[in-house]
Amino acid sequence: MSTEQQFNVYLPADLVRRVKHAAIDEGLSLKRFTMQALEHELERLAATDPAGTADGQEQR
């Protein structure tokens, strides 16, 4: 059983080109580069959000 889920988003063509080139420059697959970028941003948001709502979920 796979724990992965497909996630489709439409992005500006220039951003997609830059991301692809950055992944190649880093020696990473596009998947791995994108995962790392998203994880990094979520960690950054969590560090600056003392209420812990960086994931978009309200605390209850």
Foldseek 3Di string as FASTA:
>chain_A
DDPDDDDDDDDPPVVVVVLCVVCVVVVHDSVVSVVVVVVVVLVVQCVVDVLRCSVVDHDD
